[in-house]
Amino acid sequence: MDDKARDFFAAFKAGHMSRRELMSGAAKLGLGAATANFMLNAAATQALAADFDWKKFQGAKLHLLLNKHPYADAMIADLDNFKGLTGMDVTYDIFPEDVYFDKVTAALSAKSSQYDAFMTGAYMTWTYGPAGWIEDLNQWIKDPTKTNPKYDWDDVLPGLRASTAWNGVPGAELGSADAKQWCIPWGFELNSTTYNRKMYDKVGAKPANNLPELLETAAKLTKDLGGPYGIGVRGSRSWATIHPGFLSGYSNYGQRDFTVTGSKLKAAMNTPESKAFHKLWVKMIQESGPKNWSTYTWYKVGTDLGAGASATIFDADILGYFMDGGDNKEKGNLGFYAFAANPDAKAPTPNVWIWSLAMNTASKQKDAAWYFMQWASSTEHDMFGARKMDFVNPVRASVWKDDQFRNRIDKSYSGYLAQYEASSPGARIYFTPQPLFFDVTTQWAETLQKMVAKEVPVDEGLDQLAASMDKQLKDAGLG
């Protein structure tokens, strides 16, 4: 692209013309919409260089480990702007999620310097951080010589900042004053309901407001649709079955995974209230879930919705978003609805999954890696992903206020923006941080499977689960 076009977009970024004048002028320069948007983002990226030496590590070569995900796709699509801004080269290895976390654990535990930074979930840092495998990023965030003054860390949604910070003490509150910032929020998902509007209209149903209503609605859909089942939720023997819709509903009923007294944890899933919630959840799956529910992962829950095999899911809002687009059979037919499982709750309290960026302690070029991480989590890149790619949900408050992004979402995804705004104030991680997270949540999922299969009554199963967890905690010095 010639200098005239670059100067033109730089003038817009400097506030010398309106967006309408920009697009009109771009057309006169013979630039298509896609090219114009790329140039606009390039101008925004270059504007970052005004008060910060982005070329400090020019010539460095960074290597990333990435999960195959639309958030990674958005970063890759914008990577040329980072390379132009910094003069650094970036390569990456990318793997599907079913093997991704094993790749991360293998690299970190071997203390390999192969990867400088990588994608992670916040839960994983409860293992990586105390093990000394990743860096506390506060030392970079709070250093004005290493962080662009325009980075605006406070613009990242506070619940996400807190949920990715922990002091390493089992049971301690996330985001405490002494917490270490183990990773940077990059993109996230909260859990609500997505439903097939055509199927609901066909049987005269409306989106459920709470869990008892959802049981009735899902049963009606299963009966009256004559094929598709009513509700999709995860069911595989994995921690990933517990964290989305299940824990969002569970926490909305005021329930906890553990109680904390001093430095000791005690299992809390066998309270009378918890047992009542579990009975509703189990009944919902038995009456209106898929026949092979115990095999269901994120992918199966989403695929069934997109293919018209299910009428509803209680899972990540972005999963519904992806199924409402692309080449899915039900593209354009889906709707989104904020969901508070407890009829007495005032608002939803969704548990969140936060795709984040972390720094490998074994990296030999940490400062250069931080340059990449702050760029990838910057307002400018967040805005590019939100406006032009499937980068939902963005982590920055300023991006959620952007009219272009809001209008695109509101126009194309029925109810998505409304469900987000109703759900996000209560969205955070509701698990108790502790080092046995993956072991105990996987066991919880296994117990759910036994309850749904009627191998054990709910009350008995939860008593057994709590007793087993308490023993594990005691053996680990945590109970």
Protein backbone atom coordinates (compact mmCIF):
# COMPACT_ATOMS: atom_id res chain seq x y z
CA MET A 1 0.00 0.00 0.00
CA ASP A 2 1.41 3.44 -0.92
CA ASP A 3 2.33 6.23 1.49
CA LYS A 4 -0.71 8.28 0.51
CA ALA A 5 -3.09 5.59 1.77
CA ARG A 6 -1.11 5.13 4.99
CA ASP A 7 -1.11 8.86 5.67
CA PHE A 8 -4.82 8.99 5.00
CA PHE A 9 -5.60 6.39 7.67
CA ALA A 10 -3.13 7.96 10.08
CA ALA A 11 -5.00 11.25 9.71
CA PHE A 12 -8.24 9.56 10.68
CA LYS A 13 -6.62 7.99 13.72
CA ALA A 14 -5.32 11.40 14.73
CA GLY A 15 -8.90 12.71 14.71
CA HIS A 16 -8.65 14.85 11.59
CA MET A 17 -11.70 13.36 9.86
CA SER A 18 -14.91 11.47 10.62
CA ARG A 19 -15.43 7.78 9.96
CA ARG A 20 -17.82 8.65 7.13
CA GLU A 21 -15.13 10.80 5.54
CA LEU A 22 -12.66 7.99 6.03
CA MET A 23 -14.74 5.37 4.23
CA SER A 24 -15.66 7.80 1.47
CA GLY A 25 -12.02 8.71 0.96
CA ALA A 26 -10.96 5.06 1.03
CA ALA A 27 -13.40 4.32 -1.78
CA LYS A 28 -11.92 7.14 -3.82
CA LEU A 29 -8.49 5.63 -3.30
CA GLY A 30 -9.80 2.38 -4.73
CA LEU A 31 -9.67 0.49 -1.44
CA GLY A 32 -12.23 -2.23 -0.74
CA ALA A 33 -13.84 -2.63 2.67
CA ALA A 34 -11.54 -5.44 3.75
CA THR A 35 -8.42 -3.51 2.78
CA ALA A 36 -9.72 -0.35 4.39
CA ASN A 37 -10.38 -2.14 7.67
CA PHE A 38 -6.92 -3.72 7.63
CA MET A 39 -5.33 -0.32 7.00
CA LEU A 40 -7.38 1.23 9.79
CA ASN A 41 -6.14 -1.38 12.24
CA ALA A 42 -2.58 -0.90 11.01
CA ALA A 43 -2.90 2.82 11.69
CA ALA A 44 -4.21 2.08 15.18
CA THR A 45 -1.29 -0.26 15.79
CA GLN A 46 1.25 2.28 14.62
CA ALA A 47 -0.32 4.88 16.91
CA LEU A 48 0.82 2.71 19.79
CA ALA A 49 4.42 3.58 18.95
CA ALA A 50 4.07 7.27 19.77
CA ASP A 51 5.10 7.06 23.44
CA PHE A 52 6.83 3.69 23.68
CA ASP A 53 9.85 2.03 22.11
CA TRP A 54 8.23 -0.95 20.42
CA LYS A 55 11.40 -1.57 18.37
CA LYS A 56 13.52 -2.34 21.44
CA PHE A 57 13.68 -6.05 20.61
CA GLN A 58 13.75 -5.74 16.84
CA GLY A 59 15.08 -8.95 15.31
CA ALA A 60 13.96 -11.19 18.19
CA LYS A 61 12.16 -14.41 17.30
CA LEU A 62 9.30 -15.51 19.53
CA HIS A 63 7.67 -18.92 19.51
CA LEU A 64 4.12 -19.45 20.81
CA LEU A 65 2.02 -22.45 21.77
CA LEU A 66 -1.63 -21.98 20.77
CA ASN A 67 -4.91 -23.81 21.06
CA LYS A 68 -6.96 -24.06 17.86
CA HIS A 69 -9.65 -21.48 18.55
CA PRO A 70 -11.24 -18.40 16.90
CA TYR A 71 -9.35 -16.19 19.39
CA ALA A 72 -6.08 -17.60 18.05
CA ASP A 73 -7.37 -17.08 14.50
CA ALA A 74 -7.99 -13.39 15.24
CA MET A 75 -4.47 -12.96 16.60
CA ILE A 76 -2.90 -14.72 13.62
CA ALA A 77 -4.90 -12.53 11.23
CA ASP A 78 -3.48 -9.42 12.93
CA LEU A 79 0.07 -10.69 13.42
CA ASP A 80 1.59 -8.72 10.55
CA ASN A 81 0.73 -5.54 12.41
CA PHE A 82 2.68 -6.73 15.44
CA LYS A 83 5.64 -7.67 13.29
CA GLY A 84 5.57 -4.27 11.59
CA LEU A 85 5.27 -2.48 14.93
CA THR A 86 8.09 -4.32 16.69
CA GLY A 87 10.34 -5.78 14.03
CA MET A 88 10.07 -9.12 15.82
CA ASP A 89 9.28 -12.41 14.13
CA VAL A 90 6.61 -14.68 15.60
CA THR A 91 6.08 -18.37 14.90
CA TYR A 92 3.69 -20.73 16.60
CA ASP A 93 2.56 -24.30 17.02
CA ILE A 94 -1.17 -24.83 17.16
CA PHE A 95 -3.02 -27.90 18.43
CA PRO A 96 -6.68 -28.91 18.94
CA GLU A 97 -7.93 -28.74 22.49
CA ASP A 98 -8.13 -32.51 23.01
CA VAL A 99 -4.31 -32.63 23.05
CA TYR A 100 -3.42 -29.00 23.68
CA PHE A 101 -3.17 -28.97 27.47
CA ASP A 102 -1.06 -32.11 27.45
CA LYS A 103 1.36 -30.30 25.12
CA VAL A 104 1.52 -27.33 27.51
CA THR A 105 2.09 -29.49 30.59
CA ALA A 106 4.81 -31.48 28.85
CA ALA A 107 6.67 -28.35 27.74
CA LEU A 108 6.41 -26.57 31.10
CA SER A 109 7.22 -29.54 33.30
CA ALA A 110 10.32 -30.25 31.20
CA LYS A 111 11.34 -26.61 31.71
CA SER A 112 11.73 -26.30 27.97
CA SER A 113 12.54 -22.87 26.56
CA GLN A 114 10.91 -23.80 23.22
CA TYR A 115 7.85 -21.62 23.86
CA ASP A 116 7.99 -18.06 25.16
CA ALA A 117 4.28 -17.57 25.76
CA PHE A 118 1.17 -19.69 25.43
CA MET A 119 -2.61 -19.81 25.75
CA THR A 120 -4.01 -21.12 29.00
CA GLY A 121 -7.12 -21.27 31.10
CA ALA A 122 -7.07 -19.66 34.53
CA TYR A 123 -7.65 -23.00 36.28
CA MET A 124 -4.42 -24.39 34.85
CA THR A 125 -2.39 -21.61 36.44
CA TRP A 126 -3.37 -22.98 39.86
CA THR A 127 -0.95 -25.77 38.97
CA TYR A 128 1.55 -23.91 36.78
CA GLY A 129 2.05 -20.94 39.13
CA PRO A 130 2.92 -22.69 42.40
CA ALA A 131 5.09 -25.15 40.43
CA GLY A 132 7.24 -22.24 39.26
CA TRP A 133 6.50 -22.84 35.58
CA ILE A 134 5.04 -19.43 34.75
CA GLU A 135 5.83 -15.82 35.64
CA ASP A 136 3.97 -13.40 37.88
CA LEU A 137 3.16 -10.74 35.28
CA ASN A 138 2.77 -7.95 37.82
CA GLN A 139 6.48 -7.28 37.48
CA TRP A 140 5.90 -6.27 33.85
CA ILE A 141 2.44 -4.69 34.14
CA LYS A 142 3.62 -2.33 36.88
CA ASP A 143 6.92 -1.41 35.22
CA PRO A 144 6.51 1.75 33.05
CA THR A 145 9.79 1.01 31.27
CA LYS A 146 8.38 -2.27 29.97
CA THR A 147 4.70 -1.51 29.47
CA ASN A 148 3.21 0.93 27.00
CA PRO A 149 1.59 3.85 28.91
CA LYS A 150 -1.50 3.39 26.71
CA TYR A 151 -1.93 -0.26 27.72
CA ASP A 152 -4.61 0.64 30.31
CA TRP A 153 -4.67 -2.49 32.46
CA ASP A 154 -7.68 -1.13 34.36
CA ASP A 155 -9.73 -1.29 31.14
CA VAL A 156 -9.67 -5.11 31.39
CA LEU A 157 -12.90 -6.18 33.06
CA PRO A 158 -12.30 -6.34 36.84
CA GLY A 159 -13.87 -9.77 37.32
CA LEU A 160 -11.48 -11.20 34.76
CA ARG A 161 -8.42 -9.51 36.24
CA ALA A 162 -9.32 -10.90 39.66
CA SER A 163 -10.13 -14.37 38.33
CA THR A 164 -6.67 -14.73 36.76
CA ALA A 165 -4.79 -13.68 39.91
CA TRP A 166 -4.11 -15.86 42.95
CA ASN A 167 -1.66 -15.75 45.84
CA GLY A 168 -1.13 -19.52 45.75
CA VAL A 169 -2.72 -20.20 49.14
CA PRO A 170 -5.34 -22.98 48.79
CA GLY A 171 -8.79 -21.55 49.40
CA ALA A 172 -7.65 -17.92 49.27
CA GLU A 173 -9.82 -15.45 47.41
CA LEU A 174 -8.94 -14.83 43.78
CA GLY A 175 -7.73 -11.31 43.09
CA SER A 176 -6.58 -10.61 46.65
CA ALA A 177 -4.19 -7.73 47.30
CA ASP A 178 -1.23 -10.09 47.47
CA ALA A 179 -2.27 -12.14 44.42
CA LYS A 180 0.14 -12.91 41.61
CA GLN A 181 -1.07 -12.17 38.10
CA TRP A 182 -0.36 -15.55 36.57
CA CYS A 183 -1.87 -14.76 33.20
CA ILE A 184 -3.47 -11.98 31.16
CA PRO A 185 -7.17 -12.30 30.24
CA TRP A 186 -7.43 -12.48 26.45
CA GLY A 187 -10.96 -13.60 25.62
CA PHE A 188 -13.64 -15.29 27.70
CA GLU A 189 -16.99 -17.01 27.80
CA LEU A 190 -19.80 -16.92 30.31
CA ASN A 191 -22.55 -19.51 30.54
CA SER A 192 -26.14 -18.85 29.59
CA THR A 193 -28.81 -20.50 27.46
CA THR A 194 -28.90 -20.58 23.68
CA TYR A 195 -32.09 -21.85 22.07
CA ASN A 196 -33.48 -22.62 18.62
CA ARG A 197 -36.10 -19.97 17.99
CA LYS A 198 -37.83 -21.94 15.20
CA MET A 199 -38.17 -25.03 17.36
CA TYR A 200 -39.48 -23.00 20.29
CA ASP A 201 -42.03 -21.27 18.05
CA LYS A 202 -43.10 -24.62 16.60
CA VAL A 203 -44.16 -25.99 20.00
CA GLY A 204 -45.22 -22.67 21.52
CA ALA A 205 -42.42 -22.53 24.08
CA LYS A 206 -40.57 -19.55 25.57
CA PRO A 207 -37.03 -19.42 26.99
CA ALA A 208 -36.95 -20.62 30.58
CA ASN A 209 -36.13 -18.16 33.35
CA ASN A 210 -34.84 -20.69 35.88
CA LEU A 211 -33.94 -24.35 36.32
CA PRO A 212 -37.40 -25.69 37.31
CA GLU A 213 -38.84 -23.94 34.25
CA LEU A 214 -36.02 -25.31 32.09
CA LEU A 215 -36.92 -28.87 33.12
CA GLU A 216 -40.51 -28.32 32.00
CA THR A 217 -39.58 -26.53 28.79
CA ALA A 218 -36.94 -29.09 27.80
CA ALA A 219 -39.36 -31.97 28.45
CA LYS A 220 -42.01 -30.29 26.29
CA LEU A 221 -39.55 -29.73 23.46
CA THR A 222 -38.34 -33.33 23.61
CA LYS A 223 -41.91 -34.64 23.48
CA ASP A 224 -43.43 -32.26 20.93
CA LEU A 225 -40.56 -31.88 18.44
CA GLY A 226 -40.49 -35.59 17.67
CA GLY A 227 -36.75 -35.93 17.15
CA PRO A 228 -34.51 -33.21 18.60
CA TYR A 229 -33.90 -33.42 22.33
CA GLY A 230 -34.64 -30.54 24.68
CA ILE A 231 -31.40 -29.60 26.44
CA GLY A 232 -27.70 -30.08 25.81
CA VAL A 233 -25.14 -29.91 28.63
CA ARG A 234 -21.73 -31.52 28.98
CA GLY A 235 -21.41 -35.00 30.46
CA SER A 236 -17.97 -36.51 29.84
CA ARG A 237 -15.78 -37.70 32.71
CA SER A 238 -13.85 -34.44 32.88
CA TRP A 239 -13.43 -31.26 34.88
CA ALA A 240 -14.87 -29.54 31.78
CA THR A 241 -18.30 -31.03 32.57
CA ILE A 242 -18.48 -29.22 35.91
CA HIS A 243 -17.30 -25.72 35.06
CA PRO A 244 -19.84 -24.43 32.45
CA GLY A 245 -23.63 -24.61 32.90
CA PHE A 246 -23.50 -26.94 35.89
CA LEU A 247 -21.39 -24.71 38.16
CA SER A 248 -23.16 -21.58 36.91
CA GLY A 249 -26.47 -23.03 38.08
CA TYR A 250 -24.96 -24.47 41.24
CA SER A 251 -23.46 -21.15 42.31
CA ASN A 252 -26.72 -19.37 41.52
CA TYR A 253 -28.31 -21.53 44.20
CA GLY A 254 -25.71 -20.19 46.61
CA GLN A 255 -23.71 -23.41 46.74
CA ARG A 256 -19.93 -23.84 47.00
CA ASP A 257 -17.53 -26.60 46.06
CA PHE A 258 -15.63 -26.22 49.36
CA THR A 259 -15.86 -24.31 52.58
CA VAL A 260 -12.66 -22.76 53.89
CA THR A 261 -11.80 -22.49 57.58
CA GLY A 262 -8.40 -20.98 58.15
CA SER A 263 -6.11 -22.98 55.89
CA LYS A 264 -8.35 -26.05 55.74
CA LEU A 265 -10.84 -26.99 53.01
CA LYS A 266 -13.91 -29.18 53.38
CA ALA A 267 -16.14 -30.56 50.62
CA ALA A 268 -19.52 -28.81 50.48
CA MET A 269 -21.42 -30.58 47.72
CA ASN A 270 -23.49 -32.77 50.08
CA THR A 271 -25.52 -29.99 51.75
CA PRO A 272 -29.32 -30.36 51.57
CA GLU A 273 -29.45 -27.44 49.11
CA SER A 274 -26.77 -28.99 46.91
CA LYS A 275 -28.59 -32.31 46.88
CA ALA A 276 -31.79 -30.56 45.80
CA PHE A 277 -29.96 -28.84 42.94
CA HIS A 278 -28.32 -32.08 41.82
CA LYS A 279 -31.69 -33.84 41.74
CA LEU A 280 -33.08 -31.19 39.39
CA TRP A 281 -29.99 -31.33 37.17
CA VAL A 282 -29.99 -35.12 36.98
CA LYS A 283 -33.70 -35.27 36.23
CA MET A 284 -33.30 -32.70 33.43
CA ILE A 285 -30.66 -34.83 31.72
CA GLN A 286 -32.56 -38.09 32.22
CA GLU A 287 -35.77 -36.68 30.75
CA SER A 288 -34.51 -34.31 28.07
CA GLY A 289 -30.80 -34.79 27.39
CA PRO A 290 -29.08 -36.78 24.64
CA LYS A 291 -29.06 -40.58 24.96
CA ASN A 292 -25.26 -40.75 25.12
CA TRP A 293 -24.93 -37.72 27.40
CA SER A 294 -21.91 -39.17 29.24
CA THR A 295 -19.79 -38.66 26.10
CA TYR A 296 -20.75 -35.01 25.61
CA THR A 297 -18.01 -32.37 25.43
CA TRP A 298 -18.02 -28.73 24.32
CA TYR A 299 -17.88 -29.91 20.72
CA LYS A 300 -20.80 -32.33 20.89
CA VAL A 301 -23.02 -29.90 22.79
CA GLY A 302 -22.35 -27.23 20.19
CA THR A 303 -22.52 -29.45 17.12
CA ASP A 304 -25.93 -30.83 18.05
CA LEU A 305 -27.31 -27.31 18.48
CA GLY A 306 -25.88 -26.14 15.16
CA ALA A 307 -27.17 -29.24 13.37
CA GLY A 308 -30.68 -29.02 14.80
CA ALA A 309 -30.34 -32.16 16.93
CA SER A 310 -31.02 -30.20 20.14
CA ALA A 311 -33.32 -27.30 20.95
CA THR A 312 -31.37 -25.67 23.80
CA ILE A 313 -27.97 -25.61 25.45
CA PHE A 314 -26.89 -24.29 28.83
CA ASP A 315 -23.24 -23.67 28.09
CA ALA A 316 -20.86 -20.98 26.89
CA ASP A 317 -22.51 -18.02 25.20
CA ILE A 318 -19.78 -18.00 22.57
CA LEU A 319 -20.52 -21.66 21.75
CA GLY A 320 -24.02 -20.61 20.76
CA TYR A 321 -22.53 -17.68 18.86
CA PHE A 322 -20.33 -19.97 16.76
CA MET A 323 -23.25 -22.34 16.07
CA ASP A 324 -25.38 -19.42 14.86
CA GLY A 325 -22.89 -18.70 12.09
CA GLY A 326 -20.57 -20.40 9.63
CA ASP A 327 -22.08 -23.23 7.59
CA ASN A 328 -24.17 -24.65 10.42
CA LYS A 329 -27.64 -25.90 9.45
CA GLU A 330 -29.33 -23.72 12.08
CA LYS A 331 -27.39 -20.56 11.25
CA GLY A 332 -29.58 -17.53 11.97
CA ASN A 333 -32.18 -19.53 13.89
CA LEU A 334 -30.68 -19.29 17.35
CA GLY A 335 -31.46 -16.93 20.21
CA PHE A 336 -29.64 -16.08 23.43
CA TYR A 337 -31.10 -15.70 26.89
CA ALA A 338 -29.64 -14.76 30.27
CA PHE A 339 -30.27 -17.55 32.74
CA ALA A 340 -30.50 -17.49 36.54
CA ALA A 341 -31.07 -21.10 37.60
CA ASN A 342 -32.42 -20.23 41.04
CA PRO A 343 -35.99 -18.87 40.95
CA ASP A 344 -35.13 -16.71 43.98
CA ALA A 345 -31.94 -15.24 42.49
CA LYS A 346 -31.98 -11.62 41.38
CA ALA A 347 -29.54 -12.12 38.50
CA PRO A 348 -27.41 -14.75 36.76
CA THR A 349 -24.07 -15.74 38.31
CA PRO A 350 -22.28 -17.48 35.45
CA ASN A 351 -18.99 -19.21 36.00
CA VAL A 352 -16.48 -18.12 33.36
CA TRP A 353 -13.80 -19.72 31.25
CA ILE A 354 -11.02 -17.25 30.46
CA TRP A 355 -8.65 -17.88 27.59
CA SER A 356 -5.52 -16.14 28.76
CA LEU A 357 -1.87 -15.60 27.88
CA ALA A 358 0.91 -16.75 30.19
CA MET A 359 4.70 -16.49 30.08
CA ASN A 360 6.97 -19.52 30.30
CA THR A 361 9.47 -19.13 33.15
CA ALA A 362 12.00 -21.05 31.04
CA SER A 363 11.81 -18.49 28.20
CA LYS A 364 15.15 -16.87 27.45
CA GLN A 365 13.54 -13.64 26.16
CA LYS A 366 10.88 -12.70 28.67
CA ASP A 367 10.86 -8.95 28.05
CA ALA A 368 10.35 -9.51 24.33
CA ALA A 369 7.61 -12.04 25.11
CA TRP A 370 5.90 -9.41 27.26
CA TYR A 371 5.88 -7.02 24.30
CA PHE A 372 3.88 -9.61 22.39
CA MET A 373 1.54 -10.30 25.30
CA GLN A 374 0.70 -6.66 25.91
CA TRP A 375 0.09 -6.10 22.21
CA ALA A 376 -2.13 -9.21 21.92
CA SER A 377 -4.20 -8.04 24.91
CA SER A 378 -4.24 -4.36 23.91
CA THR A 379 -7.34 -2.30 23.21
CA GLU A 380 -6.29 -2.01 19.56
CA HIS A 381 -6.03 -5.75 18.95
CA ASP A 382 -9.14 -6.42 21.05
CA MET A 383 -11.04 -3.95 18.87
CA PHE A 384 -9.79 -5.54 15.65
CA GLY A 385 -10.87 -8.99 16.80
CA ALA A 386 -14.26 -7.79 18.02
CA ARG A 387 -15.09 -5.80 14.90
CA LYS A 388 -13.62 -7.99 12.19
CA MET A 389 -13.20 -11.49 13.60
CA ASP A 390 -15.09 -13.85 15.91
CA PHE A 391 -13.35 -12.45 18.97
CA VAL A 392 -16.18 -12.78 21.45
CA ASN A 393 -16.19 -12.08 24.20
CA PRO A 394 -13.55 -9.31 24.32
CA VAL A 395 -12.03 -8.62 27.74
CA ARG A 396 -11.92 -4.82 27.60
CA ALA A 397 -14.71 -2.57 28.84
CA SER A 398 -13.97 0.03 26.16
CA VAL A 399 -14.53 -2.51 23.37
CA TRP A 400 -17.93 -3.46 24.76
CA LYS A 401 -18.85 0.22 24.44
CA ASP A 402 -17.83 0.37 20.78
CA ASP A 403 -20.89 1.07 18.60
CA GLN A 404 -19.57 -0.78 15.57
CA PHE A 405 -19.01 -3.96 17.57
CA ARG A 406 -22.29 -3.66 19.47
CA ASN A 407 -24.31 -3.01 16.33
CA ARG A 408 -22.78 -5.99 14.54
CA ILE A 409 -23.54 -8.35 17.40
CA ASP A 410 -27.01 -6.99 18.08
CA LYS A 411 -28.03 -7.12 14.42
CA SER A 412 -26.82 -10.63 13.64
CA TYR A 413 -27.18 -12.58 16.92
CA SER A 414 -30.65 -12.35 18.42
CA GLY A 415 -30.48 -11.48 22.10
CA TYR A 416 -26.72 -11.99 22.46
CA LEU A 417 -25.93 -8.48 23.64
CA ALA A 418 -28.86 -8.43 26.06
CA GLN A 419 -27.89 -11.76 27.62
CA TYR A 420 -24.30 -10.61 27.99
CA GLU A 421 -25.23 -7.36 29.70
CA ALA A 422 -27.61 -9.14 32.09
CA SER A 423 -25.08 -11.87 32.88
CA SER A 424 -21.69 -10.16 32.96
CA PRO A 425 -22.02 -8.27 36.29
CA GLY A 426 -22.14 -11.62 38.13
CA ALA A 427 -19.64 -13.41 35.89
CA ARG A 428 -16.45 -14.71 37.51
CA ILE A 429 -14.76 -17.95 38.53
CA TYR A 430 -16.78 -19.58 41.32
CA PHE A 431 -14.45 -22.48 42.05
CA THR A 432 -12.26 -22.43 45.14
CA PRO A 433 -8.62 -22.24 43.94
CA GLN A 434 -6.67 -25.25 45.15
CA PRO A 435 -4.10 -27.65 43.67
CA LEU A 436 -6.39 -30.71 43.45
CA PHE A 437 -8.80 -28.89 41.12
CA PHE A 438 -8.60 -31.29 38.17
CA ASP A 439 -8.74 -34.45 40.29
CA VAL A 440 -11.78 -33.48 42.34
CA THR A 441 -13.79 -31.93 39.49
CA THR A 442 -13.22 -35.01 37.34
CA GLN A 443 -14.45 -37.17 40.21
CA TRP A 444 -17.48 -34.89 40.54
CA ALA A 445 -18.26 -35.44 36.85
CA GLU A 446 -17.91 -39.20 37.31
CA THR A 447 -20.39 -39.08 40.20
CA LEU A 448 -22.82 -37.13 38.02
CA GLN A 449 -22.59 -39.85 35.40
CA LYS A 450 -23.46 -42.50 37.99
CA MET A 451 -26.44 -40.47 39.20
CA VAL A 452 -27.81 -39.98 35.69
CA ALA A 453 -27.31 -43.68 34.94
CA LYS A 454 -29.18 -44.49 38.19
CA GLU A 455 -26.18 -46.41 39.50
CA VAL A 456 -26.30 -44.45 42.74
CA PRO A 457 -29.02 -42.26 44.35
CA VAL A 458 -28.22 -38.56 44.43
CA ASP A 459 -28.08 -38.22 48.21
CA GLU A 460 -25.86 -41.28 48.63
CA GLY A 461 -23.64 -40.35 45.71
CA LEU A 462 -22.95 -36.87 47.05
CA ASP A 463 -22.21 -38.15 50.54
CA GLN A 464 -19.70 -40.59 49.05
CA LEU A 465 -18.20 -37.86 46.86
CA ALA A 466 -17.76 -35.44 49.76
CA ALA A 467 -16.18 -38.13 51.95
CA SER A 468 -13.74 -39.09 49.20
CA MET A 469 -12.80 -35.46 48.56
CA ASP A 470 -12.26 -34.79 52.26
CA LYS A 471 -9.88 -37.74 52.42
CA GLN A 472 -7.95 -36.47 49.39
CA LEU A 473 -7.72 -33.02 50.95
CA LYS A 474 -6.52 -34.45 54.24
CA ASP A 475 -3.92 -36.64 52.52
CA ALA A 476 -2.65 -33.55 50.67
CA GLY A 477 -2.45 -31.50 53.86
CA LEU A 478 -5.34 -29.29 52.77
CA GLY A 479 -8.14 -30.64 54.95
